[in-house]
Amino acid sequence: MRFSTLLLGGLMLAATTPAFAQDTAPPEPITVSGSVAVLTDYRLRGISQTNRNAAVQGALTVAHESGFYIGTFASNLAGWGTFGGANLELDAIGGYKTTVGSATVDAGVTWYTYPGGASESDVVEFFSRLSGVAGPATLTAGVYYAPKQTSLGNFSNTPFSRGQRQHNVYLTGDGVVAVPNTPVTLKAHIGYSDGNPGLGPNGTSLAPTGEYWDWGVGADVVAYKNLTFNVSYIDTDITRAESAYLQPNFSKFQEPGGKSIANGTVLFSLTAAF
């Protein structure tokens, strides 16, 4: 408890009413939060990472009152984006979040890893996000930059390009609006990828067709306490012709003529937060 700014009368009141003192206790310096989710599909920037099949995901964040935090995210994988081993994506995240005026700034780095998978598949990406309130909406703009690295290099047979290290840029805009007097929150997202149209040594790529847009709209519904149900529509502007050089791996079940894993889909998820 902090008494330096209290007058003598306040001291006496605090001494005789300890419950009031507990109500004003400062927050813990370190907080731990996380979530577990079940989804009908795992879409990363509009592209399925589970071959248009279900995913189970978990996330954990440890944050310090200074604004620094560390975290991790895990999800199963299938089809495109798997590199053997456990067929698992396991990310390590570190960053710093603070408020500047009425805005929130969040910046850090993500290390995408694939335990037991092929070598030279990991990706390191830096991010920066700026959030603010505009009327009833919370708006967020994000910039994600993966510097030149082998896992994003061009290993195609294009003359003079094989083995080149490449980088990737991803720009995002997100909006969230809570519907008054309801458990419903509406969401919208748009993203733009610009990177290497080739593939890394094991098929790694954050922008498999080099340049494309992805978008989504959806709604969260708080079903019970910390249990949230979501339904979203997610799509990209990647055409079959643009992804022809990625086939059949870019189709469900890796079959010629199969449904593209970048086609639009309705996604359902159930998330439990703690």
C-alpha atoms as a PDB file:
ATOM      1  CA  MET A   1       0.000   0.000   0.000  1.00  0.00           C
ATOM      2  CA  ARG A   2       1.139   3.547  -0.687  1.00  0.00           C
ATOM      3  CA  PHE A   3       0.485   6.048   2.098  1.00  0.00           C
ATOM      4  CA  SER A   4       2.810   8.933   1.165  1.00  0.00           C
ATOM      5  CA  THR A   5       0.024  11.071  -0.307  1.00  0.00           C
ATOM      6  CA  LEU A   6      -2.589  10.343   2.386  1.00  0.00           C
ATOM      7  CA  LEU A   7      -3.477  12.736   5.185  1.00  0.00           C
ATOM      8  CA  LEU A   8      -3.599  11.610   8.777  1.00  0.00           C
ATOM      9  CA  GLY A   9      -7.351  11.066   8.600  1.00  0.00           C
ATOM     10  CA  GLY A  10      -6.857   8.837   5.606  1.00  0.00           C
ATOM     11  CA  LEU A  11      -4.288   6.804   7.501  1.00  0.00           C
ATOM     12  CA  MET A  12      -6.737   6.236  10.307  1.00  0.00           C
ATOM     13  CA  LEU A  13      -9.444   5.182   7.828  1.00  0.00           C
ATOM     14  CA  ALA A  14      -7.113   2.732   6.144  1.00  0.00           C
ATOM     15  CA  ALA A  15      -6.143   1.256   9.481  1.00  0.00           C
ATOM     16  CA  THR A  16      -9.745   0.648  10.502  1.00  0.00           C
ATOM     17  CA  THR A  17     -10.945  -0.642   7.069  1.00  0.00           C
ATOM     18  CA  PRO A  18      -8.371  -3.122   5.692  1.00  0.00           C
ATOM     19  CA  ALA A  19     -10.782  -4.381   2.991  1.00  0.00           C
ATOM     20  CA  PHE A  20     -10.668  -0.945   1.307  1.00  0.00           C
ATOM     21  CA  ALA A  21      -6.873  -1.076   1.233  1.00  0.00           C
ATOM     22  CA  GLN A  22      -6.998  -4.446  -0.557  1.00  0.00           C
ATOM     23  CA  ASP A  23      -9.281  -2.975  -3.247  1.00  0.00           C
ATOM     24  CA  THR A  24      -6.651  -0.389  -4.138  1.00  0.00           C
ATOM     25  CA  ALA A  25      -3.680  -2.765  -4.175  1.00  0.00           C
ATOM     26  CA  PRO A  26      -1.474  -2.325  -7.268  1.00  0.00           C
ATOM     27  CA  PRO A  27      -1.629  -4.950 -10.038  1.00  0.00           C
ATOM     28  CA  GLU A  28       0.830  -7.800 -10.160  1.00  0.00           C
ATOM     29  CA  PRO A  29       4.118  -6.914 -11.911  1.00  0.00           C
ATOM     30  CA  ILE A  30       3.943 -10.068 -14.048  1.00  0.00           C
ATOM     31  CA  THR A  31       0.816 -11.457 -15.677  1.00  0.00           C
ATOM     32  CA  VAL A  32       0.316 -14.745 -17.495  1.00  0.00           C
ATOM     33  CA  SER A  33      -2.410 -15.206 -20.092  1.00  0.00           C
ATOM     34  CA  GLY A  34      -3.157 -17.738 -22.769  1.00  0.00           C
ATOM     35  CA  SER A  35      -5.728 -19.538 -24.873  1.00  0.00           C
ATOM     36  CA  VAL A  36      -6.617 -22.891 -26.416  1.00  0.00           C
ATOM     37  CA  ALA A  37      -8.603 -23.000 -29.660  1.00  0.00           C
ATOM     38  CA  VAL A  38     -10.179 -25.490 -32.047  1.00  0.00           C
ATOM     39  CA  LEU A  39     -10.655 -24.281 -35.648  1.00  0.00           C
ATOM     40  CA  THR A  40     -12.104 -25.769 -38.815  1.00  0.00           C
ATOM     41  CA  ASP A  41      -9.023 -24.510 -40.722  1.00  0.00           C
ATOM     42  CA  TYR A  42      -5.738 -22.740 -39.918  1.00  0.00           C
ATOM     43  CA  ARG A  43      -5.359 -19.806 -42.296  1.00  0.00           C
ATOM     44  CA  LEU A  44      -2.102 -17.839 -42.298  1.00  0.00           C
ATOM     45  CA  ARG A  45      -2.516 -14.675 -44.369  1.00  0.00           C
ATOM     46  CA  GLY A  46      -5.428 -16.255 -46.185  1.00  0.00           C
ATOM     47  CA  ILE A  47      -3.695 -19.542 -47.054  1.00  0.00           C
ATOM     48  CA  SER A  48      -4.531 -22.832 -45.360  1.00  0.00           C
ATOM     49  CA  GLN A  49      -1.735 -24.402 -43.349  1.00  0.00           C
ATOM     50  CA  THR A  50      -3.754 -27.532 -42.526  1.00  0.00           C
ATOM     51  CA  ASN A  51      -4.837 -28.611 -46.013  1.00  0.00           C
ATOM     52  CA  ARG A  52      -8.308 -27.117 -45.396  1.00  0.00           C
ATOM     53  CA  ASN A  53      -8.714 -29.370 -42.349  1.00  0.00           C
ATOM     54  CA  ALA A  54      -9.180 -28.732 -38.621  1.00  0.00           C
ATOM     55  CA  ALA A  55      -6.524 -27.289 -36.326  1.00  0.00           C
ATOM     56  CA  VAL A  56      -5.867 -27.248 -32.594  1.00  0.00           C
ATOM     57  CA  GLN A  57      -3.884 -24.264 -31.346  1.00  0.00           C
ATOM     58  CA  GLY A  58      -2.495 -22.902 -28.112  1.00  0.00           C
ATOM     59  CA  ALA A  59      -0.929 -19.603 -27.078  1.00  0.00           C
ATOM     60  CA  LEU A  60       0.781 -18.371 -23.907  1.00  0.00           C
ATOM     61  CA  THR A  61       2.045 -14.883 -23.010  1.00  0.00           C
ATOM     62  CA  VAL A  62       4.035 -13.679 -20.000  1.00  0.00           C
ATOM     63  CA  ALA A  63       3.951  -9.876 -19.683  1.00  0.00           C
ATOM     64  CA  HIS A  64       5.822  -7.517 -17.344  1.00  0.00           C
ATOM     65  CA  GLU A  65       4.362  -4.260 -16.079  1.00  0.00           C
ATOM     66  CA  SER A  66       7.139  -2.418 -17.928  1.00  0.00           C
ATOM     67  CA  GLY A  67       5.527  -3.413 -21.240  1.00  0.00           C
ATOM     68  CA  PHE A  68       7.950  -6.162 -22.249  1.00  0.00           C
ATOM     69  CA  TYR A  69       6.529  -9.618 -22.925  1.00  0.00           C
ATOM     70  CA  ILE A  70       7.421 -13.049 -24.244  1.00  0.00           C
ATOM     71  CA  GLY A  71       5.086 -15.650 -25.664  1.00  0.00           C
ATOM     72  CA  THR A  72       4.629 -18.753 -27.741  1.00  0.00           C
ATOM     73  CA  PHE A  73       2.099 -20.107 -30.237  1.00  0.00           C
ATOM     74  CA  ALA A  74       1.627 -23.678 -31.485  1.00  0.00           C
ATOM     75  CA  SER A  75      -0.534 -25.298 -34.160  1.00  0.00           C
ATOM     76  CA  ASN A  76      -0.703 -28.572 -36.042  1.00  0.00           C
ATOM     77  CA  LEU A  77       0.024 -28.470 -39.792  1.00  0.00           C
ATOM     78  CA  ALA A  78      -0.882 -30.547 -42.831  1.00  0.00           C
ATOM     79  CA  GLY A  79      -0.215 -30.433 -46.559  1.00  0.00           C
ATOM     80  CA  TRP A  80       1.331 -27.148 -47.687  1.00  0.00           C
ATOM     81  CA  GLY A  81       3.801 -25.748 -45.180  1.00  0.00           C
ATOM     82  CA  THR A  82       4.790 -29.035 -43.539  1.00  0.00           C
ATOM     83  CA  PHE A  83       8.431 -30.001 -43.420  1.00  0.00           C
ATOM     84  CA  GLY A  84       8.396 -33.435 -41.809  1.00  0.00           C
ATOM     85  CA  GLY A  85       9.129 -34.020 -38.159  1.00  0.00           C
ATOM     86  CA  ALA A  86       6.166 -33.316 -35.883  1.00  0.00           C
ATOM     87  CA  ASN A  87       4.258 -31.369 -38.582  1.00  0.00           C
ATOM     88  CA  LEU A  88       3.944 -28.644 -35.978  1.00  0.00           C
ATOM     89  CA  GLU A  89       4.425 -24.890 -36.034  1.00  0.00           C
ATOM     90  CA  LEU A  90       5.923 -23.597 -32.795  1.00  0.00           C
ATOM     91  CA  ASP A  91       6.562 -19.857 -32.625  1.00  0.00           C
ATOM     92  CA  ALA A  92       8.598 -17.860 -30.120  1.00  0.00           C
ATOM     93  CA  ILE A  93       7.524 -14.230 -29.695  1.00  0.00           C
ATOM     94  CA  GLY A  94       9.082 -11.283 -27.883  1.00  0.00           C
ATOM     95  CA  GLY A  95       7.976  -7.678 -27.835  1.00  0.00           C
ATOM     96  CA  TYR A  96       7.180  -4.421 -26.085  1.00  0.00           C
ATOM     97  CA  LYS A  97       3.751  -2.791 -25.763  1.00  0.00           C
ATOM     98  CA  THR A  98       3.048   0.715 -24.487  1.00  0.00           C
ATOM     99  CA  THR A  99       0.578   3.584 -24.822  1.00  0.00           C
ATOM    100  CA  VAL A 100       1.445   6.854 -26.544  1.00  0.00           C
ATOM    101  CA  GLY A 101      -1.310   9.352 -25.907  1.00  0.00           C
ATOM    102  CA  SER A 102      -4.521   7.570 -26.864  1.00  0.00           C
ATOM    103  CA  ALA A 103      -2.759   5.015 -29.096  1.00  0.00           C
ATOM    104  CA  THR A 104      -1.188   1.647 -28.303  1.00  0.00           C
ATOM    105  CA  VAL A 105       2.140   0.670 -29.863  1.00  0.00           C
ATOM    106  CA  ASP A 106       3.224  -2.970 -30.008  1.00  0.00           C
ATOM    107  CA  ALA A 107       6.551  -4.014 -31.581  1.00  0.00           C
ATOM    108  CA  GLY A 108       8.625  -7.171 -31.497  1.00  0.00           C
ATOM    109  CA  VAL A 109       9.845 -10.248 -33.323  1.00  0.00           C
ATOM    110  CA  THR A 110       8.451 -13.707 -34.126  1.00  0.00           C
ATOM    111  CA  TRP A 111      10.548 -16.800 -34.767  1.00  0.00           C
ATOM    112  CA  TYR A 112       8.571 -19.412 -36.739  1.00  0.00           C
ATOM    113  CA  THR A 113       9.967 -22.901 -36.076  1.00  0.00           C
ATOM    114  CA  TYR A 114       8.981 -26.418 -37.183  1.00  0.00           C
ATOM    115  CA  PRO A 115      10.259 -28.971 -34.605  1.00  0.00           C
ATOM    116  CA  GLY A 116      11.945 -31.997 -36.138  1.00  0.00           C
ATOM    117  CA  GLY A 117      11.363 -30.659 -39.650  1.00  0.00           C
ATOM    118  CA  ALA A 118      13.771 -30.053 -42.479  1.00  0.00           C
ATOM    119  CA  SER A 119      16.650 -27.647 -41.960  1.00  0.00           C
ATOM    120  CA  GLU A 120      16.575 -24.057 -43.292  1.00  0.00           C
ATOM    121  CA  SER A 121      12.812 -23.786 -42.803  1.00  0.00           C
ATOM    122  CA  ASP A 122      12.676 -21.405 -39.822  1.00  0.00           C
ATOM    123  CA  VAL A 123      11.623 -17.805 -40.461  1.00  0.00           C
ATOM    124  CA  VAL A 124      12.371 -14.683 -38.394  1.00  0.00           C
ATOM    125  CA  GLU A 125       9.989 -11.751 -38.790  1.00  0.00           C
ATOM    126  CA  PHE A 126       9.806  -8.338 -37.076  1.00  0.00           C
ATOM    127  CA  PHE A 127       6.473  -6.614 -36.478  1.00  0.00           C
ATOM    128  CA  SER A 128       5.057  -3.261 -35.421  1.00  0.00           C
ATOM    129  CA  ARG A 129       1.382  -2.497 -34.707  1.00  0.00           C
ATOM    130  CA  LEU A 130      -0.422   0.769 -33.919  1.00  0.00           C
ATOM    131  CA  SER A 131      -3.934   0.692 -32.426  1.00  0.00           C
ATOM    132  CA  GLY A 132      -6.405   3.428 -31.596  1.00  0.00           C
ATOM    133  CA  VAL A 133     -10.097   4.128 -31.097  1.00  0.00           C
ATOM    134  CA  ALA A 134     -12.232   5.873 -33.727  1.00  0.00           C
ATOM    135  CA  GLY A 135     -15.830   6.243 -32.581  1.00  0.00           C
ATOM    136  CA  PRO A 136     -17.154   2.781 -31.695  1.00  0.00           C
ATOM    137  CA  ALA A 137     -14.321   0.996 -33.526  1.00  0.00           C
ATOM    138  CA  THR A 138     -10.831  -0.061 -32.513  1.00  0.00           C
ATOM    139  CA  LEU A 139      -8.505   0.161 -35.519  1.00  0.00           C
ATOM    140  CA  THR A 140      -5.085  -1.466 -35.891  1.00  0.00           C
ATOM    141  CA  ALA A 141      -2.443  -0.992 -38.593  1.00  0.00           C
ATOM    142  CA  GLY A 142       0.448  -3.441 -38.770  1.00  0.00           C
ATOM    143  CA  VAL A 143       3.761  -3.819 -40.595  1.00  0.00           C
ATOM    144  CA  TYR A 144       5.558  -7.186 -40.655  1.00  0.00           C
ATOM    145  CA  TYR A 145       9.044  -7.482 -42.143  1.00  0.00           C
ATOM    146  CA  ALA A 146      11.080 -10.634 -42.627  1.00  0.00           C
ATOM    147  CA  PRO A 147      14.651  -9.666 -43.574  1.00  0.00           C
ATOM    148  CA  LYS A 148      16.605 -11.565 -46.214  1.00  0.00           C
ATOM    149  CA  GLN A 149      17.121 -15.173 -45.127  1.00  0.00           C
ATOM    150  CA  THR A 150      17.782 -18.558 -46.676  1.00  0.00           C
ATOM    151  CA  SER A 151      14.365 -19.990 -45.810  1.00  0.00           C
ATOM    152  CA  LEU A 152      12.740 -17.353 -48.044  1.00  0.00           C
ATOM    153  CA  GLY A 153      15.293 -17.678 -50.831  1.00  0.00           C
ATOM    154  CA  ASN A 154      14.465 -18.464 -54.429  1.00  0.00           C
ATOM    155  CA  PHE A 155      15.290 -22.091 -55.122  1.00  0.00           C
ATOM    156  CA  SER A 156      13.541 -22.218 -58.483  1.00  0.00           C
ATOM    157  CA  ASN A 157      15.379 -22.890 -61.722  1.00  0.00           C
ATOM    158  CA  THR A 158      15.051 -19.276 -62.892  1.00  0.00           C
ATOM    159  CA  PRO A 159      18.433 -18.227 -64.356  1.00  0.00           C
ATOM    160  CA  PHE A 160      20.726 -16.385 -61.924  1.00  0.00           C
ATOM    161  CA  SER A 161      18.166 -16.565 -59.103  1.00  0.00           C
ATOM    162  CA  ARG A 162      18.665 -19.993 -57.548  1.00  0.00           C
ATOM    163  CA  GLY A 163      19.695 -19.771 -53.905  1.00  0.00           C
ATOM    164  CA  GLN A 164      19.226 -16.018 -53.527  1.00  0.00           C
ATOM    165  CA  ARG A 165      18.217 -14.844 -50.058  1.00  0.00           C
ATOM    166  CA  GLN A 166      14.956 -12.875 -50.124  1.00  0.00           C
ATOM    167  CA  HIS A 167      12.843 -10.774 -47.777  1.00  0.00           C
ATOM    168  CA  ASN A 168       9.087 -10.319 -47.245  1.00  0.00           C
ATOM    169  CA  VAL A 169       6.747  -7.447 -46.302  1.00  0.00           C
ATOM    170  CA  TYR A 170       3.203  -7.841 -44.977  1.00  0.00           C
ATOM    171  CA  LEU A 171       0.886  -4.853 -44.331  1.00  0.00           C
ATOM    172  CA  THR A 172      -2.371  -5.192 -42.411  1.00  0.00           C
ATOM    173  CA  GLY A 173      -5.427  -3.229 -41.383  1.00  0.00           C
ATOM    174  CA  ASP A 174      -7.934  -4.516 -38.802  1.00  0.00           C
ATOM    175  CA  GLY A 175     -11.132  -3.137 -37.328  1.00  0.00           C
ATOM    176  CA  VAL A 176     -13.166  -4.315 -34.328  1.00  0.00           C
ATOM    177  CA  VAL A 177     -16.590  -3.036 -33.233  1.00  0.00           C
ATOM    178  CA  ALA A 178     -18.481  -4.294 -30.193  1.00  0.00           C
ATOM    179  CA  VAL A 179     -22.253  -4.407 -30.688  1.00  0.00           C
ATOM    180  CA  PRO A 180     -23.805  -2.570 -27.699  1.00  0.00           C
ATOM    181  CA  ASN A 181     -25.733  -4.640 -25.144  1.00  0.00           C
ATOM    182  CA  THR A 182     -24.812  -7.911 -26.869  1.00  0.00           C
ATOM    183  CA  PRO A 183     -21.996 -10.482 -26.550  1.00  0.00           C
ATOM    184  CA  VAL A 184     -21.142  -9.904 -30.241  1.00  0.00           C
ATOM    185  CA  THR A 185     -18.024  -8.231 -31.635  1.00  0.00           C
ATOM    186  CA  LEU A 186     -17.715  -7.605 -35.378  1.00  0.00           C
ATOM    187  CA  LYS A 187     -14.300  -7.872 -37.066  1.00  0.00           C
ATOM    188  CA  ALA A 188     -12.762  -6.999 -40.434  1.00  0.00           C
ATOM    189  CA  HIS A 189      -9.244  -7.584 -41.806  1.00  0.00           C
ATOM    190  CA  ILE A 190      -7.260  -6.807 -44.944  1.00  0.00           C
ATOM    191  CA  GLY A 191      -3.658  -7.725 -45.680  1.00  0.00           C
ATOM    192  CA  TYR A 192      -1.146  -7.196 -48.475  1.00  0.00           C
ATOM    193  CA  SER A 193       1.861  -9.470 -49.034  1.00  0.00           C
ATOM    194  CA  ASP A 194       4.902  -8.598 -51.121  1.00  0.00           C
ATOM    195  CA  GLY A 195       7.746 -11.076 -51.223  1.00  0.00           C
ATOM    196  CA  ASN A 196       9.661 -13.652 -53.203  1.00  0.00           C
ATOM    197  CA  PRO A 197       7.493 -15.550 -55.714  1.00  0.00           C
ATOM    198  CA  GLY A 198       9.894 -18.466 -55.581  1.00  0.00           C
ATOM    199  CA  LEU A 199      10.162 -21.028 -52.818  1.00  0.00           C
ATOM    200  CA  GLY A 200      12.807 -21.597 -50.172  1.00  0.00           C
ATOM    201  CA  PRO A 201      14.881 -24.776 -49.945  1.00  0.00           C
ATOM    202  CA  ASN A 202      11.981 -26.740 -48.444  1.00  0.00           C
ATOM    203  CA  GLY A 203       9.044 -24.898 -49.956  1.00  0.00           C
ATOM    204  CA  THR A 204       8.999 -22.144 -47.328  1.00  0.00           C
ATOM    205  CA  SER A 205       7.349 -18.888 -48.343  1.00  0.00           C
ATOM    206  CA  LEU A 206       5.414 -16.088 -46.614  1.00  0.00           C
ATOM    207  CA  ALA A 207       4.106 -14.873 -49.987  1.00  0.00           C
ATOM    208  CA  PRO A 208       3.983 -17.955 -52.257  1.00  0.00           C
ATOM    209  CA  THR A 209       2.801 -16.052 -55.340  1.00  0.00           C
ATOM    210  CA  GLY A 210       5.013 -13.044 -54.628  1.00  0.00           C
ATOM    211  CA  GLU A 211       2.281 -10.415 -54.277  1.00  0.00           C
ATOM    212  CA  TYR A 212      -1.347 -10.813 -53.230  1.00  0.00           C
ATOM    213  CA  TRP A 213      -4.197  -9.529 -51.021  1.00  0.00           C
ATOM    214  CA  ASP A 214      -6.061 -11.400 -48.311  1.00  0.00           C
ATOM    215  CA  TRP A 215      -9.135 -10.280 -46.381  1.00  0.00           C
ATOM    216  CA  GLY A 216     -11.730 -11.472 -43.928  1.00  0.00           C
ATOM    217  CA  VAL A 217     -14.898 -10.487 -42.084  1.00  0.00           C
ATOM    218  CA  GLY A 218     -16.395 -12.183 -39.070  1.00  0.00           C
ATOM    219  CA  ALA A 219     -17.926 -12.028 -35.626  1.00  0.00           C
ATOM    220  CA  ASP A 220     -16.992 -13.143 -32.124  1.00  0.00           C
ATOM    221  CA  VAL A 221     -19.686 -14.268 -29.708  1.00  0.00           C
ATOM    222  CA  VAL A 222     -18.863 -14.697 -26.023  1.00  0.00           C
ATOM    223  CA  ALA A 223     -20.617 -17.976 -25.298  1.00  0.00           C
ATOM    224  CA  TYR A 224     -19.754 -18.341 -21.609  1.00  0.00           C
ATOM    225  CA  LYS A 225     -17.311 -16.323 -19.499  1.00  0.00           C
ATOM    226  CA  ASN A 226     -13.957 -16.763 -21.305  1.00  0.00           C
ATOM    227  CA  LEU A 227     -15.319 -19.048 -24.027  1.00  0.00           C
ATOM    228  CA  THR A 228     -15.642 -17.348 -27.442  1.00  0.00           C
ATOM    229  CA  PHE A 229     -17.197 -18.648 -30.652  1.00  0.00           C
ATOM    230  CA  ASN A 230     -16.125 -17.125 -33.984  1.00  0.00           C
ATOM    231  CA  VAL A 231     -17.389 -17.376 -37.532  1.00  0.00           C
ATOM    232  CA  SER A 232     -15.438 -15.709 -40.357  1.00  0.00           C
ATOM    233  CA  TYR A 233     -15.178 -15.607 -44.117  1.00  0.00           C
ATOM    234  CA  ILE A 234     -11.556 -15.567 -45.360  1.00  0.00           C
ATOM    235  CA  ASP A 235     -10.347 -15.167 -48.950  1.00  0.00           C
ATOM    236  CA  THR A 236      -7.450 -14.070 -51.198  1.00  0.00           C
ATOM    237  CA  ASP A 237      -7.090 -12.774 -54.742  1.00  0.00           C
ATOM    238  CA  ILE A 238      -4.699 -15.599 -55.716  1.00  0.00           C
ATOM    239  CA  THR A 239      -5.933 -17.192 -58.934  1.00  0.00           C
ATOM    240  CA  ARG A 240      -5.358 -20.707 -60.197  1.00  0.00           C
ATOM    241  CA  ALA A 241      -3.142 -19.317 -62.971  1.00  0.00           C
ATOM    242  CA  GLU A 242      -0.995 -17.350 -60.511  1.00  0.00           C
ATOM    243  CA  SER A 243      -0.398 -20.422 -58.373  1.00  0.00           C
ATOM    244  CA  ALA A 244       0.056 -22.868 -61.259  1.00  0.00           C
ATOM    245  CA  TYR A 245       3.772 -23.323 -60.542  1.00  0.00           C
ATOM    246  CA  LEU A 246       2.904 -24.347 -56.979  1.00  0.00           C
ATOM    247  CA  GLN A 247       0.534 -27.128 -58.021  1.00  0.00           C
ATOM    248  CA  PRO A 248      -0.354 -29.738 -56.996  1.00  0.00           C
ATOM    249  CA  ASN A 249       1.023 -28.806 -53.526  1.00  0.00           C
ATOM    250  CA  PHE A 250      -1.225 -25.737 -53.426  1.00  0.00           C
ATOM    251  CA  SER A 251      -4.363 -27.898 -53.698  1.00  0.00           C
ATOM    252  CA  LYS A 252      -6.139 -29.931 -51.062  1.00  0.00           C
ATOM    253  CA  PHE A 253      -4.637 -33.417 -50.765  1.00  0.00           C
ATOM    254  CA  GLN A 254      -1.960 -32.261 -53.246  1.00  0.00           C
ATOM    255  CA  GLU A 255      -4.041 -33.641 -56.110  1.00  0.00           C
ATOM    256  CA  PRO A 256      -4.046 -32.148 -59.638  1.00  0.00           C
ATOM    257  CA  GLY A 257      -7.201 -30.101 -60.095  1.00  0.00           C
ATOM    258  CA  GLY A 258      -7.962 -30.131 -56.368  1.00  0.00           C
ATOM    259  CA  LYS A 259      -9.477 -27.179 -54.548  1.00  0.00           C
ATOM    260  CA  SER A 260      -6.928 -24.409 -53.983  1.00  0.00           C
ATOM    261  CA  ILE A 261      -5.904 -23.845 -50.360  1.00  0.00           C
ATOM    262  CA  ALA A 262      -6.101 -20.079 -51.051  1.00  0.00           C
ATOM    263  CA  ASN A 263      -9.766 -20.138 -52.086  1.00  0.00           C
ATOM    264  CA  GLY A 264     -12.379 -18.451 -49.909  1.00  0.00           C
ATOM    265  CA  THR A 265     -13.739 -20.369 -46.927  1.00  0.00           C
ATOM    266  CA  VAL A 266     -16.081 -20.000 -43.974  1.00  0.00           C
ATOM    267  CA  LEU A 267     -14.106 -20.697 -40.818  1.00  0.00           C
ATOM    268  CA  PHE A 268     -15.493 -21.590 -37.384  1.00  0.00           C
ATOM    269  CA  SER A 269     -13.539 -21.593 -34.132  1.00  0.00           C
ATOM    270  CA  LEU A 270     -14.034 -22.003 -30.397  1.00  0.00           C
ATOM    271  CA  THR A 271     -11.498 -20.387 -28.062  1.00  0.00           C
ATOM    272  CA  ALA A 272     -11.053 -20.708 -24.317  1.00  0.00           C
ATOM    273  CA  ALA A 273      -8.963 -17.902 -22.776  1.00  0.00           C
ATOM    274  CA  PHE A 274      -7.311 -17.823 -19.364  1.00  0.00           C
END
